[in-house]
Amino acid sequence: TTGLGIVGLAVVWQADSLIEMFTLNPDQKKGLKRHKRSAMKSAVVLVILGPLYTVAGSMMGLPLAQCVDLVPW
């Protein structure tokens, strides 16, 4: 799941960069930069909280921690 999230970030980042090259409107460029920033924040949260939830959830006996593996290694 974490690996898929990182791949999704790379795809979104590259698509936004490509669209930004062909965009002339400054407002649209600002919107694309905001979108790239929010995608980066989401990936950071996934990378940090994913393994933390998997470890802490299994220690606390949460049922979802056993079903979903959020650790990328």
Protein backbone atom coordinates (compact mmCIF):
# COMPACT_ATOMS: atom_id res chain seq x y z
CA THR A 1 0.00 0.00 0.00
CA THR A 2 2.80 2.41 0.85
CA GLY A 3 4.68 1.56 -2.33
CA LEU A 4 1.53 2.16 -4.36
CA GLY A 5 1.11 5.53 -2.66
CA ILE A 6 4.68 6.52 -3.53
CA VAL A 7 4.18 5.46 -7.15
CA GLY A 8 0.95 7.49 -7.19
CA LEU A 9 2.86 10.52 -5.91
CA ALA A 10 5.42 10.15 -8.69
CA VAL A 11 2.70 9.91 -11.34
CA VAL A 12 0.79 12.92 -9.99
CA TRP A 13 4.00 14.95 -9.61
CA GLN A 14 5.10 14.23 -13.18
CA ALA A 15 1.65 14.89 -14.62
CA ASP A 16 1.40 18.21 -12.78
CA SER A 17 4.88 19.20 -13.96
CA LEU A 18 3.98 18.35 -17.55
CA ILE A 19 0.74 20.31 -17.41
CA GLU A 20 2.55 23.21 -15.73
CA MET A 21 4.97 23.47 -18.68
CA PHE A 22 2.09 24.09 -21.09
CA THR A 23 0.06 26.37 -18.81
CA LEU A 24 0.35 30.10 -19.37
CA ASN A 25 -2.17 31.32 -16.80
CA PRO A 26 -0.44 32.22 -13.48
CA ASP A 27 -3.51 31.23 -11.44
CA GLN A 28 -3.51 27.76 -12.94
CA LYS A 29 0.22 27.41 -12.22
CA LYS A 30 -0.40 28.34 -8.59
CA GLY A 31 -3.17 25.74 -8.41
CA LEU A 32 -0.88 23.07 -9.85
CA LYS A 33 1.86 23.94 -7.35
CA ARG A 34 -0.69 23.68 -4.53
CA HIS A 35 -1.80 20.30 -5.87
CA LYS A 36 1.81 19.06 -6.00
CA ARG A 37 2.36 20.25 -2.42
CA SER A 38 -0.75 18.47 -1.16
CA ALA A 39 0.28 15.27 -2.97
CA MET A 40 3.69 15.46 -1.30
CA LYS A 41 2.10 15.97 2.13
CA SER A 42 -0.14 12.94 1.57
CA ALA A 43 2.83 10.77 0.61
CA VAL A 44 4.80 11.90 3.67
CA VAL A 45 1.85 11.09 5.93
CA LEU A 46 1.52 7.67 4.30
CA VAL A 47 5.23 6.89 4.65
CA ILE A 48 5.37 8.04 8.29
CA LEU A 49 2.02 6.89 9.63
CA GLY A 50 1.69 3.67 7.61
CA PRO A 51 4.50 1.74 9.31
CA LEU A 52 3.67 3.37 12.64
CA TYR A 53 0.07 2.17 12.41
CA THR A 54 1.14 -1.31 11.38
CA VAL A 55 3.52 -1.66 14.33
CA ALA A 56 1.39 0.12 16.94
CA GLY A 57 -1.84 -1.45 15.68
CA SER A 58 -0.48 -4.96 15.94
CA MET A 59 0.85 -4.22 19.45
CA MET A 60 -2.56 -2.90 20.52
CA GLY A 61 -4.40 -5.76 18.83
CA LEU A 62 -6.28 -3.68 16.27
CA PRO A 63 -7.83 -5.98 13.65
CA LEU A 64 -7.03 -3.74 10.64
CA ALA A 65 -3.29 -3.87 11.40
CA GLN A 66 -3.29 -7.59 10.63
CA CYS A 67 -5.24 -7.25 7.37
CA VAL A 68 -3.31 -4.37 5.77
CA ASP A 69 0.46 -4.23 5.53
CA LEU A 70 1.51 -0.58 5.31
CA VAL A 71 5.23 -1.21 5.80
CA PRO A 72 7.14 -0.79 2.50
CA TRP A 73 9.89 -3.31 3.38
